[in-house]
């Protein structure tokens, strides 16, 4: 199971890097343009992915964060992108350094919205990586509405092909 989740977190980092590269040329105004979606702008969608990966990583480490990292965040798009890529790298690194039996552990944690929870670690990792994939798809749709014509493939199959 470890091999699967190491590869899945590697994929997540790879895909996040690709999506960040696609949005890096946008101005602050474009990143904050109101667009109807789960989150009302590209910037807020990036912040949400960063928040979620940060919270799930902390829970996997045995912590229960009490606030979203972006709650008090002030910074430009470069910092938003850097924070997301940093937490994706930290997530990958954390998963890679865990012993094989870690992925069968059950953890208790408290969420910001639903209170105390219990879940197996591999399910937590799977959920978080899937959640990021979902929102990357939304970002592509939002980006098209802002005039971005081309996006690199971010599918898991393309990641695997690149690995060889």
N, C-alpha and C. Protein backbone atom coordinates (compact mmCIF):
# COMPACT_ATOMS: atom_id res chain seq x y z
N UNK A 1 0.82 -1.19 0.00
CA UNK A 1 0.00 0.00 0.00
C UNK A 1 0.87 1.26 0.00
N UNK A 2 2.00 1.21 0.67
CA UNK A 2 2.86 2.39 0.72
C UNK A 2 3.25 2.84 -0.69
N UNK A 3 3.62 1.91 -1.54
CA UNK A 3 4.04 2.26 -2.90
C UNK A 3 2.94 3.02 -3.64
N UNK A 4 1.70 2.60 -3.46
CA UNK A 4 0.57 3.25 -4.12
C UNK A 4 0.45 4.70 -3.67
N UNK A 5 0.53 4.93 -2.36
CA UNK A 5 0.31 6.28 -1.85
C UNK A 5 1.53 7.19 -2.00
N UNK A 6 2.70 6.61 -2.03
CA UNK A 6 3.87 7.42 -2.38
C UNK A 6 3.71 7.93 -3.80
N UNK A 7 3.34 7.04 -4.71
CA UNK A 7 3.17 7.44 -6.10
C UNK A 7 2.03 8.44 -6.27
N UNK A 8 0.97 8.26 -5.50
CA UNK A 8 -0.18 9.18 -5.60
C UNK A 8 0.20 10.58 -5.11
N UNK A 9 1.02 10.67 -4.06
CA UNK A 9 1.45 11.99 -3.59
C UNK A 9 2.48 12.60 -4.54
N UNK A 10 3.29 11.76 -5.18
CA UNK A 10 4.20 12.27 -6.21
C UNK A 10 3.40 12.84 -7.38
N UNK A 11 2.36 12.13 -7.78
CA UNK A 11 1.47 12.60 -8.84
C UNK A 11 0.84 13.94 -8.47
N UNK A 12 0.37 14.05 -7.24
CA UNK A 12 -0.27 15.29 -6.80
C UNK A 12 0.68 16.47 -6.93
N UNK A 13 1.90 16.31 -6.49
CA UNK A 13 2.89 17.38 -6.60
C UNK A 13 3.16 17.71 -8.07
N UNK A 14 3.34 16.70 -8.89
CA UNK A 14 3.56 16.88 -10.33
C UNK A 14 2.42 17.66 -10.96
N UNK A 15 1.18 17.27 -10.67
CA UNK A 15 0.01 17.93 -11.26
C UNK A 15 -0.14 19.35 -10.73
N UNK A 16 0.12 19.56 -9.44
CA UNK A 16 0.04 20.92 -8.89
C UNK A 16 1.08 21.83 -9.52
N UNK A 17 2.27 21.32 -9.76
CA UNK A 17 3.30 22.13 -10.44
C UNK A 17 2.82 22.54 -11.83
N UNK A 18 2.22 21.61 -12.54
CA UNK A 18 1.75 21.90 -13.89
C UNK A 18 0.63 22.95 -13.89
N UNK A 19 -0.28 22.83 -12.96
CA UNK A 19 -1.39 23.77 -12.92
C UNK A 19 -0.91 25.15 -12.49
N UNK A 20 0.03 25.20 -11.55
CA UNK A 20 0.60 26.48 -11.13
C UNK A 20 1.29 27.17 -12.31
N UNK A 21 2.06 26.41 -13.09
CA UNK A 21 2.74 26.98 -14.26
C UNK A 21 1.73 27.60 -15.24
N UNK A 22 0.57 27.00 -15.35
CA UNK A 22 -0.44 27.50 -16.28
C UNK A 22 -1.04 28.82 -15.81
N UNK A 23 -1.14 28.99 -14.49
CA UNK A 23 -1.78 30.20 -13.95
C UNK A 23 -0.79 31.29 -13.57
N UNK A 24 0.48 30.97 -13.51
CA UNK A 24 1.49 31.95 -13.09
C UNK A 24 1.47 33.25 -13.89
N UNK A 25 1.19 33.23 -15.19
CA UNK A 25 1.18 34.49 -15.94
C UNK A 25 0.00 35.42 -15.63
N UNK A 26 -1.02 34.93 -14.94
CA UNK A 26 -2.19 35.76 -14.68
C UNK A 26 -1.88 36.88 -13.68
N UNK A 27 -2.55 37.99 -13.87
CA UNK A 27 -2.41 39.12 -12.96
C UNK A 27 -3.24 38.86 -11.70
N UNK A 28 -3.00 39.66 -10.68
CA UNK A 28 -3.80 39.58 -9.46
C UNK A 28 -5.27 39.81 -9.78
N UNK A 29 -5.54 40.78 -10.63
CA UNK A 29 -6.92 41.09 -11.01
C UNK A 29 -7.59 39.87 -11.64
N UNK A 30 -6.89 39.21 -12.55
CA UNK A 30 -7.44 38.01 -13.19
C UNK A 30 -7.65 36.89 -12.18
N UNK A 31 -6.70 36.71 -11.28
CA UNK A 31 -6.80 35.65 -10.27
C UNK A 31 -7.97 35.89 -9.32
N UNK A 32 -8.36 37.14 -9.16
CA UNK A 32 -9.44 37.48 -8.22
C UNK A 32 -10.76 37.80 -8.93
N UNK A 33 -10.80 37.62 -10.25
CA UNK A 33 -12.03 37.87 -11.01
C UNK A 33 -13.13 36.94 -10.52
N UNK A 34 -14.29 37.50 -10.18
CA UNK A 34 -15.40 36.63 -9.74
C UNK A 34 -15.89 35.72 -10.86
N UNK A 35 -15.92 34.43 -10.59
CA UNK A 35 -16.43 33.42 -11.52
C UNK A 35 -17.23 32.42 -10.68
N UNK A 36 -18.40 32.05 -11.14
CA UNK A 36 -19.24 31.12 -10.39
C UNK A 36 -18.61 29.73 -10.42
N UNK A 37 -18.34 29.21 -9.23
CA UNK A 37 -17.78 27.87 -9.06
C UNK A 37 -17.90 27.52 -7.57
N UNK A 38 -17.26 26.45 -7.15
CA UNK A 38 -17.27 26.11 -5.72
C UNK A 38 -16.70 27.25 -4.89
N UNK A 39 -15.67 27.88 -5.42
CA UNK A 39 -15.06 29.06 -4.81
C UNK A 39 -15.08 30.15 -5.87
N UNK A 40 -15.39 31.39 -5.49
CA UNK A 40 -15.72 32.40 -6.50
C UNK A 40 -14.56 33.06 -7.23
N UNK A 41 -13.37 32.46 -7.20
CA UNK A 41 -12.26 32.98 -8.00
C UNK A 41 -11.18 31.91 -8.09
N UNK A 42 -10.27 32.12 -9.03
CA UNK A 42 -9.13 31.22 -9.18
C UNK A 42 -8.28 31.26 -7.90
N UNK A 43 -8.01 32.46 -7.41
CA UNK A 43 -7.18 32.60 -6.20
C UNK A 43 -7.79 31.85 -5.02
N UNK A 44 -9.10 32.00 -4.80
CA UNK A 44 -9.73 31.31 -3.68
C UNK A 44 -9.73 29.80 -3.85
N UNK A 45 -9.77 29.34 -5.09
CA UNK A 45 -9.69 27.90 -5.34
C UNK A 45 -8.29 27.38 -5.01
N UNK A 46 -7.25 28.11 -5.42
CA UNK A 46 -5.88 27.73 -5.05
C UNK A 46 -5.71 27.73 -3.53
N UNK A 47 -6.24 28.75 -2.87
CA UNK A 47 -6.14 28.82 -1.41
C UNK A 47 -6.85 27.64 -0.76
N UNK A 48 -7.97 27.23 -1.32
CA UNK A 48 -8.70 26.10 -0.77
C UNK A 48 -7.89 24.80 -0.88
N UNK A 49 -7.26 24.59 -2.02
CA UNK A 49 -6.44 23.38 -2.18
C UNK A 49 -5.30 23.40 -1.17
N UNK A 50 -4.66 24.55 -1.01
CA UNK A 50 -3.58 24.69 -0.03
C UNK A 50 -4.11 24.40 1.37
N UNK A 51 -5.25 24.98 1.72
CA UNK A 51 -5.85 24.73 3.04
C UNK A 51 -6.08 23.24 3.26
N UNK A 52 -6.72 22.60 2.30
CA UNK A 52 -7.08 21.19 2.47
C UNK A 52 -5.85 20.30 2.60
N UNK A 53 -4.86 20.49 1.73
CA UNK A 53 -3.66 19.67 1.83
C UNK A 53 -2.94 19.91 3.15
N UNK A 54 -2.93 21.15 3.60
CA UNK A 54 -2.29 21.48 4.89
C UNK A 54 -3.00 20.80 6.04
N UNK A 55 -4.34 20.90 6.07
CA UNK A 55 -5.11 20.31 7.17
C UNK A 55 -4.96 18.79 7.20
N UNK A 56 -5.07 18.15 6.04
CA UNK A 56 -4.97 16.69 6.02
C UNK A 56 -3.57 16.21 6.39
N UNK A 57 -2.55 16.94 5.95
CA UNK A 57 -1.20 16.57 6.33
C UNK A 57 -1.02 16.67 7.85
N UNK A 58 -1.51 17.73 8.43
CA UNK A 58 -1.42 17.88 9.89
C UNK A 58 -2.17 16.77 10.61
N UNK A 59 -3.32 16.41 10.12
CA UNK A 59 -4.08 15.31 10.74
C UNK A 59 -3.30 14.00 10.65
N UNK A 60 -2.65 13.77 9.51
CA UNK A 60 -1.85 12.55 9.36
C UNK A 60 -0.67 12.54 10.33
N UNK A 61 -0.23 13.71 10.75
CA UNK A 61 0.86 13.84 11.72
C UNK A 61 0.36 13.76 13.16
N UNK A 62 -0.96 13.59 13.33
CA UNK A 62 -1.53 13.47 14.67
C UNK A 62 -2.04 14.77 15.27
N UNK A 63 -2.12 15.81 14.46
CA UNK A 63 -2.58 17.11 14.94
C UNK A 63 -4.00 17.39 14.44
N UNK A 64 -4.67 18.29 15.13
CA UNK A 64 -6.00 18.75 14.71
C UNK A 64 -5.97 20.26 14.60
N UNK A 65 -5.65 20.79 13.41
CA UNK A 65 -5.58 22.25 13.25
C UNK A 65 -6.90 22.91 13.63
N UNK A 66 -6.80 24.13 14.11
CA UNK A 66 -7.99 24.86 14.55
C UNK A 66 -8.38 25.99 13.60
N UNK A 67 -7.62 26.17 12.53
CA UNK A 67 -7.94 27.21 11.55
C UNK A 67 -7.33 26.85 10.20
N UNK A 68 -7.93 27.35 9.15
CA UNK A 68 -7.37 27.20 7.81
C UNK A 68 -6.13 28.07 7.70
N UNK A 69 -5.06 27.58 7.09
CA UNK A 69 -3.85 28.40 6.93
C UNK A 69 -4.11 29.71 6.20
N UNK A 70 -5.06 29.71 5.27
CA UNK A 70 -5.31 30.92 4.48
C UNK A 70 -6.12 31.97 5.25
N UNK A 71 -6.63 31.60 6.41
CA UNK A 71 -7.49 32.53 7.15
C UNK A 71 -6.79 33.87 7.42
N UNK A 72 -5.54 33.81 7.78
CA UNK A 72 -4.79 35.03 8.08
C UNK A 72 -3.75 35.33 7.01
N UNK A 73 -3.87 34.68 5.86
CA UNK A 73 -2.88 34.81 4.81
C UNK A 73 -2.97 36.15 4.09
N UNK A 74 -1.82 36.74 3.89
CA UNK A 74 -1.69 37.93 3.06
C UNK A 74 -0.48 37.69 2.17
N UNK A 75 -0.69 37.76 0.88
CA UNK A 75 0.43 37.54 -0.04
C UNK A 75 -0.05 37.55 -1.47
N UNK A 76 0.90 37.74 -2.37
CA UNK A 76 0.54 37.79 -3.78
C UNK A 76 0.44 36.37 -4.35
N UNK A 77 0.16 36.31 -5.65
CA UNK A 77 -0.04 35.02 -6.31
C UNK A 77 1.18 34.12 -6.21
N UNK A 78 2.36 34.70 -6.29
CA UNK A 78 3.58 33.91 -6.20
C UNK A 78 3.66 33.19 -4.86
N UNK A 79 3.25 33.87 -3.80
CA UNK A 79 3.27 33.26 -2.47
C UNK A 79 2.18 32.19 -2.35
N UNK A 80 1.01 32.45 -2.93
CA UNK A 80 -0.06 31.45 -2.95
C UNK A 80 0.45 30.17 -3.61
N UNK A 81 1.04 30.32 -4.79
CA UNK A 81 1.56 29.16 -5.52
C UNK A 81 2.67 28.46 -4.73
N UNK A 82 3.56 29.25 -4.15
CA UNK A 82 4.65 28.67 -3.38
C UNK A 82 4.16 27.89 -2.18
N UNK A 83 3.15 28.42 -1.49
CA UNK A 83 2.61 27.72 -0.33
C UNK A 83 1.96 26.40 -0.72
N UNK A 84 1.22 26.42 -1.83
CA UNK A 84 0.59 25.18 -2.29
C UNK A 84 1.65 24.14 -2.65
N UNK A 85 2.64 24.54 -3.42
CA UNK A 85 3.66 23.58 -3.83
C UNK A 85 4.49 23.09 -2.65
N UNK A 86 4.73 23.95 -1.69
CA UNK A 86 5.48 23.55 -0.50
C UNK A 86 4.72 22.49 0.30
N UNK A 87 3.42 22.69 0.51
CA UNK A 87 2.66 21.70 1.27
C UNK A 87 2.52 20.40 0.48
N UNK A 88 2.41 20.48 -0.85
CA UNK A 88 2.35 19.26 -1.67
C UNK A 88 3.66 18.49 -1.56
N UNK A 89 4.77 19.21 -1.55
CA UNK A 89 6.09 18.57 -1.37
C UNK A 89 6.20 17.97 0.03
N UNK A 90 5.76 18.70 1.03
CA UNK A 90 5.80 18.19 2.42
C UNK A 90 4.94 16.95 2.56
N UNK A 91 3.79 16.94 1.90
CA UNK A 91 2.89 15.79 1.95
C UNK A 91 3.58 14.57 1.35
N UNK A 92 4.17 14.77 0.16
CA UNK A 92 4.89 13.68 -0.51
C UNK A 92 6.01 13.16 0.37
N UNK A 93 6.79 14.06 0.92
CA UNK A 93 7.92 13.68 1.77
C UNK A 93 7.46 12.92 3.01
N UNK A 94 6.40 13.40 3.62
CA UNK A 94 5.87 12.73 4.81
C UNK A 94 5.45 11.30 4.49
N UNK A 95 4.69 11.13 3.42
CA UNK A 95 4.21 9.80 3.05
C UNK A 95 5.38 8.88 2.72
N UNK A 96 6.38 9.39 2.01
CA UNK A 96 7.54 8.58 1.64
C UNK A 96 8.31 8.08 2.85
N UNK A 97 8.30 8.83 3.94
CA UNK A 97 9.11 8.45 5.11
C UNK A 97 8.36 7.59 6.13
N UNK A 98 7.11 7.27 5.85
CA UNK A 98 6.34 6.45 6.80
C UNK A 98 6.63 4.97 6.60
N UNK A 99 6.65 4.19 7.69
CA UNK A 99 6.81 2.74 7.54
C UNK A 99 5.55 2.14 6.91
N UNK A 100 5.69 0.97 6.35
CA UNK A 100 4.58 0.32 5.65
C UNK A 100 3.32 0.15 6.48
N UNK A 101 3.48 -0.12 7.77
CA UNK A 101 2.29 -0.34 8.60
C UNK A 101 1.55 0.95 8.94
N UNK A 102 2.15 2.10 8.66
CA UNK A 102 1.50 3.38 8.93
C UNK A 102 0.18 3.50 8.16
N UNK A 103 0.14 2.93 6.97
CA UNK A 103 -1.00 3.11 6.07
C UNK A 103 -2.24 2.33 6.51
N UNK A 104 -2.07 1.48 7.50
CA UNK A 104 -3.21 0.74 8.07
C UNK A 104 -3.66 1.31 9.40
N UNK A 105 -2.96 2.32 9.89
CA UNK A 105 -3.31 2.92 11.17
C UNK A 105 -4.64 3.65 11.10
N UNK A 106 -5.31 3.72 12.23
CA UNK A 106 -6.52 4.53 12.36
C UNK A 106 -6.18 5.70 13.26
N UNK A 107 -6.53 6.90 12.79
CA UNK A 107 -6.23 8.11 13.54
C UNK A 107 -7.51 8.79 14.00
N UNK A 108 -7.42 9.44 15.12
CA UNK A 108 -8.51 10.27 15.62
C UNK A 108 -8.09 11.72 15.45
N UNK A 109 -9.01 12.54 15.00
CA UNK A 109 -8.72 13.96 14.81
C UNK A 109 -10.02 14.74 14.90
N UNK A 110 -9.90 16.03 15.01
CA UNK A 110 -11.07 16.90 15.06
C UNK A 110 -11.03 17.82 13.85
N UNK A 111 -12.13 17.84 13.11
CA UNK A 111 -12.21 18.70 11.93
C UNK A 111 -12.76 20.07 12.33
N UNK A 112 -12.60 21.03 11.44
CA UNK A 112 -13.10 22.37 11.71
C UNK A 112 -14.62 22.44 11.60
N UNK A 113 -15.21 21.57 10.80
CA UNK A 113 -16.65 21.65 10.55
C UNK A 113 -17.47 20.52 11.16
N UNK A 114 -16.87 19.34 11.34
CA UNK A 114 -17.66 18.17 11.74
C UNK A 114 -17.24 17.55 13.06
N UNK A 115 -16.34 18.20 13.79
CA UNK A 115 -15.96 17.69 15.10
C UNK A 115 -15.08 16.46 15.05
N UNK A 116 -15.11 15.66 16.11
CA UNK A 116 -14.24 14.48 16.22
C UNK A 116 -14.53 13.44 15.13
N UNK A 117 -13.45 12.91 14.57
CA UNK A 117 -13.54 11.90 13.51
C UNK A 117 -12.50 10.82 13.74
N UNK A 118 -12.74 9.66 13.13
CA UNK A 118 -11.79 8.55 13.13
C UNK A 118 -11.70 8.03 11.70
N UNK A 119 -10.47 7.86 11.21
CA UNK A 119 -10.31 7.38 9.83
C UNK A 119 -8.95 6.73 9.67
N UNK A 120 -8.88 5.77 8.76
CA UNK A 120 -7.61 5.12 8.47
C UNK A 120 -6.74 6.05 7.64
N UNK A 121 -5.44 5.96 7.84
CA UNK A 121 -4.52 6.89 7.19
C UNK A 121 -4.57 6.79 5.67
N UNK A 122 -4.63 5.58 5.13
CA UNK A 122 -4.64 5.48 3.67
C UNK A 122 -5.89 6.13 3.09
N UNK A 123 -7.00 6.08 3.81
CA UNK A 123 -8.23 6.73 3.34
C UNK A 123 -8.09 8.26 3.38
N UNK A 124 -7.39 8.74 4.39
CA UNK A 124 -7.17 10.19 4.51
C UNK A 124 -6.31 10.69 3.35
N UNK A 125 -5.25 9.96 3.05
CA UNK A 125 -4.37 10.33 1.94
C UNK A 125 -5.15 10.29 0.63
N UNK A 126 -5.87 9.20 0.43
CA UNK A 126 -6.62 9.03 -0.81
C UNK A 126 -7.63 10.16 -0.98
N UNK A 127 -8.35 10.47 0.07
CA UNK A 127 -9.33 11.56 0.00
C UNK A 127 -8.66 12.88 -0.37
N UNK A 128 -7.58 13.21 0.29
CA UNK A 128 -6.93 14.50 0.06
C UNK A 128 -6.40 14.62 -1.36
N UNK A 129 -5.77 13.59 -1.87
CA UNK A 129 -5.24 13.64 -3.23
C UNK A 129 -6.38 13.71 -4.25
N UNK A 130 -7.45 12.97 -4.01
CA UNK A 130 -8.61 13.02 -4.89
C UNK A 130 -9.26 14.41 -4.85
N UNK A 131 -9.34 15.00 -3.67
CA UNK A 131 -9.89 16.34 -3.50
C UNK A 131 -9.10 17.36 -4.31
N UNK A 132 -7.78 17.27 -4.27
CA UNK A 132 -6.95 18.20 -5.05
C UNK A 132 -7.18 18.00 -6.54
N UNK A 133 -7.33 16.75 -6.98
CA UNK A 133 -7.60 16.48 -8.39
C UNK A 133 -8.91 17.12 -8.81
N UNK A 134 -9.92 16.99 -7.99
CA UNK A 134 -11.23 17.59 -8.29
C UNK A 134 -11.09 19.10 -8.51
N UNK A 135 -10.41 19.77 -7.60
CA UNK A 135 -10.30 21.22 -7.70
C UNK A 135 -9.34 21.66 -8.81
N UNK A 136 -8.35 20.85 -9.16
CA UNK A 136 -7.53 21.18 -10.34
C UNK A 136 -8.40 21.18 -11.59
N UNK A 137 -9.34 20.26 -11.67
CA UNK A 137 -10.28 20.26 -12.79
C UNK A 137 -11.11 21.54 -12.83
N UNK A 138 -11.54 21.98 -11.66
CA UNK A 138 -12.28 23.24 -11.62
C UNK A 138 -11.39 24.40 -12.07
N UNK A 139 -10.14 24.38 -11.64
CA UNK A 139 -9.23 25.46 -12.05
C UNK A 139 -9.08 25.52 -13.56
N UNK A 140 -9.03 24.39 -14.21
CA UNK A 140 -8.92 24.38 -15.67
C UNK A 140 -10.15 25.03 -16.29
N UNK A 141 -11.33 24.72 -15.78
CA UNK A 141 -12.55 25.34 -16.28
C UNK A 141 -12.54 26.84 -16.02
N UNK A 142 -12.13 27.25 -14.83
CA UNK A 142 -12.04 28.68 -14.51
C UNK A 142 -11.03 29.37 -15.41
N UNK A 143 -9.89 28.72 -15.62
CA UNK A 143 -8.85 29.29 -16.46
C UNK A 143 -9.31 29.49 -17.90
N UNK A 144 -10.07 28.56 -18.41
CA UNK A 144 -10.60 28.71 -19.77
C UNK A 144 -11.50 29.94 -19.86
N UNK A 145 -12.26 30.18 -18.81
CA UNK A 145 -13.13 31.36 -18.79
C UNK A 145 -12.32 32.66 -18.73
N UNK A 146 -11.08 32.56 -18.25
CA UNK A 146 -10.21 33.73 -18.20
C UNK A 146 -9.32 33.84 -19.43
N UNK A 147 -9.50 32.93 -20.38
CA UNK A 147 -8.78 33.02 -21.64
C UNK A 147 -7.55 32.16 -21.77
N UNK A 148 -7.26 31.30 -20.80
CA UNK A 148 -6.12 30.38 -20.94
C UNK A 148 -6.53 29.31 -21.95
N UNK A 149 -5.80 29.24 -23.03
CA UNK A 149 -6.17 28.34 -24.13
C UNK A 149 -5.65 26.92 -23.96
N UNK A 150 -4.44 26.78 -23.42
CA UNK A 150 -3.80 25.47 -23.34
C UNK A 150 -3.43 25.14 -21.89
N UNK A 151 -3.69 23.92 -21.52
CA UNK A 151 -3.26 23.39 -20.23
C UNK A 151 -2.50 22.10 -20.48
N UNK A 152 -1.45 21.87 -19.73
CA UNK A 152 -0.78 20.58 -19.87
C UNK A 152 -1.64 19.48 -19.27
N UNK A 153 -1.49 18.26 -19.75
CA UNK A 153 -2.24 17.16 -19.14
C UNK A 153 -1.88 17.02 -17.66
N UNK A 154 -2.89 16.78 -16.85
CA UNK A 154 -2.64 16.56 -15.41
C UNK A 154 -3.25 15.25 -14.95
N UNK A 155 -3.59 14.36 -15.88
CA UNK A 155 -4.16 13.07 -15.52
C UNK A 155 -3.07 12.13 -14.98
N UNK A 156 -3.49 11.25 -14.11
CA UNK A 156 -2.58 10.27 -13.51
C UNK A 156 -1.90 9.43 -14.59
N UNK A 157 -2.64 9.06 -15.64
CA UNK A 157 -2.05 8.25 -16.72
C UNK A 157 -0.88 8.97 -17.39
N UNK A 158 -1.00 10.29 -17.58
CA UNK A 158 0.11 11.05 -18.17
C UNK A 158 1.32 11.09 -17.23
N UNK A 159 1.05 11.20 -15.94
CA UNK A 159 2.11 11.14 -14.94
C UNK A 159 2.86 9.81 -15.04
N UNK A 160 2.11 8.73 -15.11
CA UNK A 160 2.73 7.40 -15.19
C UNK A 160 3.53 7.25 -16.47
N UNK A 161 3.02 7.78 -17.58
CA UNK A 161 3.75 7.71 -18.85
C UNK A 161 5.06 8.48 -18.77
N UNK A 162 5.01 9.63 -18.09
CA UNK A 162 6.23 10.41 -17.93
C UNK A 162 7.27 9.68 -17.09
N UNK A 163 6.79 8.91 -16.11
CA UNK A 163 7.72 8.12 -15.29
C UNK A 163 8.36 7.01 -16.10
N UNK A 164 7.64 6.56 -17.12
CA UNK A 164 8.16 5.47 -17.96
C UNK A 164 7.63 4.19 -17.50
